Amino acid sequence: MIKKVLFPVDFSVVSEYAFGNCIPKFFSTGAAHELILFHALDVDLQSPQELEVAEKLEKKYTDMIEKIAEEFREMGINARGS
């Protein structure tokens, strides 16, 4: 049995398809115990202003990931953001 599944989220149509179809089916088989969602923010900071923008983006994406994780938890899937 797989204990944890790490799923990268890019908020694309493909991710949304996986959210609605693949992930629920996979977890319904009992093949895994926990779903960990993450989004990588790739930035090259050159100024304090860019850091401020990156921090706002990080907060926005963290909130979005948490909302998705909550939807999975409502389906009975042990999910969390990272």
C-alpha atoms as a PDB file:
ATOM      1  CA  MET A   1       0.000   0.000   0.000  1.00  0.00           C
ATOM      2  CA  ILE A   2       1.156   3.515  -0.803  1.00  0.00           C
ATOM      3  CA  LYS A   3       1.182   5.673   2.298  1.00  0.00           C
ATOM      4  CA  LYS A   4       1.361   9.134   0.739  1.00  0.00           C
ATOM      5  CA  VAL A   5       0.728  10.611  -2.698  1.00  0.00           C
ATOM      6  CA  LEU A   6       2.423  13.916  -3.525  1.00  0.00           C
ATOM      7  CA  PHE A   7       0.416  15.739  -6.196  1.00  0.00           C
ATOM      8  CA  PRO A   8       1.741  18.918  -7.841  1.00  0.00           C
ATOM      9  CA  VAL A   9      -0.992  21.447  -8.521  1.00  0.00           C
ATOM     10  CA  ASP A  10      -0.622  24.027 -11.270  1.00  0.00           C
ATOM     11  CA  PHE A  11      -4.307  25.050 -11.306  1.00  0.00           C
ATOM     12  CA  SER A  12      -4.632  23.998 -14.953  1.00  0.00           C
ATOM     13  CA  VAL A  13      -7.487  22.155 -16.644  1.00  0.00           C
ATOM     14  CA  VAL A  14      -5.431  18.959 -16.381  1.00  0.00           C
ATOM     15  CA  SER A  15      -5.120  19.389 -12.590  1.00  0.00           C
ATOM     16  CA  GLU A  16      -8.849  20.029 -12.328  1.00  0.00           C
ATOM     17  CA  TYR A  17      -9.555  16.863 -14.318  1.00  0.00           C
ATOM     18  CA  ALA A  18      -7.362  14.847 -11.960  1.00  0.00           C
ATOM     19  CA  PHE A  19      -9.137  16.399  -8.959  1.00  0.00           C
ATOM     20  CA  GLY A  20     -12.546  15.357 -10.214  1.00  0.00           C
ATOM     21  CA  ASN A  21     -11.734  12.002 -11.765  1.00  0.00           C
ATOM     22  CA  CYS A  22      -8.373  10.367 -11.143  1.00  0.00           C
ATOM     23  CA  ILE A  23      -7.637  11.183  -7.515  1.00  0.00           C
ATOM     24  CA  PRO A  24     -11.065  10.211  -6.105  1.00  0.00           C
ATOM     25  CA  LYS A  25     -11.016   6.926  -8.045  1.00  0.00           C
ATOM     26  CA  PHE A  26      -7.481   6.140  -6.900  1.00  0.00           C
ATOM     27  CA  PHE A  27      -8.257   6.784  -3.236  1.00  0.00           C
ATOM     28  CA  SER A  28     -11.566   4.916  -3.406  1.00  0.00           C
ATOM     29  CA  THR A  29      -9.578   1.723  -4.052  1.00  0.00           C
ATOM     30  CA  GLY A  30      -7.774   2.137  -0.730  1.00  0.00           C
ATOM     31  CA  ALA A  31      -4.440   2.205  -2.554  1.00  0.00           C
ATOM     32  CA  ALA A  32      -3.132   5.172  -0.550  1.00  0.00           C
ATOM     33  CA  HIS A  33      -3.590   6.766   2.847  1.00  0.00           C
ATOM     34  CA  GLU A  34      -2.803  10.476   2.425  1.00  0.00           C
ATOM     35  CA  LEU A  35      -2.851  13.051  -0.373  1.00  0.00           C
ATOM     36  CA  ILE A  36      -0.386  15.933  -0.167  1.00  0.00           C
ATOM     37  CA  LEU A  37      -0.992  18.834  -2.560  1.00  0.00           C
ATOM     38  CA  PHE A  38       1.634  21.427  -3.407  1.00  0.00           C
ATOM     39  CA  HIS A  39       2.334  24.272  -5.778  1.00  0.00           C
ATOM     40  CA  ALA A  40       5.884  25.405  -6.508  1.00  0.00           C
ATOM     41  CA  LEU A  41       6.452  29.105  -7.005  1.00  0.00           C
ATOM     42  CA  ASP A  42       9.577  29.665  -9.095  1.00  0.00           C
ATOM     43  CA  VAL A  43      10.830  33.219  -8.661  1.00  0.00           C
ATOM     44  CA  ASP A  44      14.091  35.075  -9.049  1.00  0.00           C
ATOM     45  CA  LEU A  45      13.826  37.934  -6.586  1.00  0.00           C
ATOM     46  CA  GLN A  46      15.748  41.054  -7.463  1.00  0.00           C
ATOM     47  CA  SER A  47      14.179  43.632  -5.161  1.00  0.00           C
ATOM     48  CA  PRO A  48      12.171  44.032  -1.949  1.00  0.00           C
ATOM     49  CA  GLN A  49       9.098  44.815  -4.059  1.00  0.00           C
ATOM     50  CA  GLU A  50       9.416  41.485  -5.851  1.00  0.00           C
ATOM     51  CA  LEU A  51       9.660  39.739  -2.482  1.00  0.00           C
ATOM     52  CA  GLU A  52       6.417  41.400  -1.441  1.00  0.00           C
ATOM     53  CA  VAL A  53       4.694  40.218  -4.625  1.00  0.00           C
ATOM     54  CA  ALA A  54       6.067  36.691  -4.156  1.00  0.00           C
ATOM     55  CA  GLU A  55       4.779  36.598  -0.569  1.00  0.00           C
ATOM     56  CA  LYS A  56       1.304  37.651  -1.746  1.00  0.00           C
ATOM     57  CA  LEU A  57       1.353  34.971  -4.436  1.00  0.00           C
ATOM     58  CA  GLU A  58       2.481  32.366  -1.921  1.00  0.00           C
ATOM     59  CA  LYS A  59      -0.437  33.281   0.363  1.00  0.00           C
ATOM     60  CA  LYS A  60      -2.896  33.178  -2.551  1.00  0.00           C
ATOM     61  CA  TYR A  61      -1.730  29.754  -3.721  1.00  0.00           C
ATOM     62  CA  THR A  62      -1.576  28.371  -0.177  1.00  0.00           C
ATOM     63  CA  ASP A  63      -5.200  29.416   0.330  1.00  0.00           C
ATOM     64  CA  MET A  64      -6.206  27.828  -2.991  1.00  0.00           C
ATOM     65  CA  ILE A  65      -4.430  24.576  -2.105  1.00  0.00           C
ATOM     66  CA  GLU A  66      -6.138  24.508   1.293  1.00  0.00           C
ATOM     67  CA  LYS A  67      -9.545  24.961  -0.356  1.00  0.00           C
ATOM     68  CA  ILE A  68      -8.838  22.012  -2.677  1.00  0.00           C
ATOM     69  CA  ALA A  69      -7.612  19.896   0.259  1.00  0.00           C
ATOM     70  CA  GLU A  70     -10.824  20.702   2.143  1.00  0.00           C
ATOM     71  CA  GLU A  71     -12.896  19.517  -0.820  1.00  0.00           C
ATOM     72  CA  PHE A  72     -10.993  16.218  -0.772  1.00  0.00           C
ATOM     73  CA  ARG A  73     -11.497  15.883   2.977  1.00  0.00           C
ATOM     74  CA  GLU A  74     -15.233  16.343   2.415  1.00  0.00           C
ATOM     75  CA  MET A  75     -15.011  13.347   0.033  1.00  0.00           C
ATOM     76  CA  GLY A  76     -13.370  11.309   2.787  1.00  0.00           C
ATOM     77  CA  ILE A  77      -9.824  11.608   1.438  1.00  0.00           C
ATOM     78  CA  ASN A  78      -7.105  12.407   3.965  1.00  0.00           C
ATOM     79  CA  ALA A  79      -5.659  15.484   2.212  1.00  0.00           C
ATOM     80  CA  ARG A  80      -3.491  18.435   3.138  1.00  0.00           C
ATOM     81  CA  GLY A  81      -1.554  21.201   1.461  1.00  0.00           C
ATOM     82  CA  SER A  82       2.160  21.595   1.685  1.00  0.00           C
END
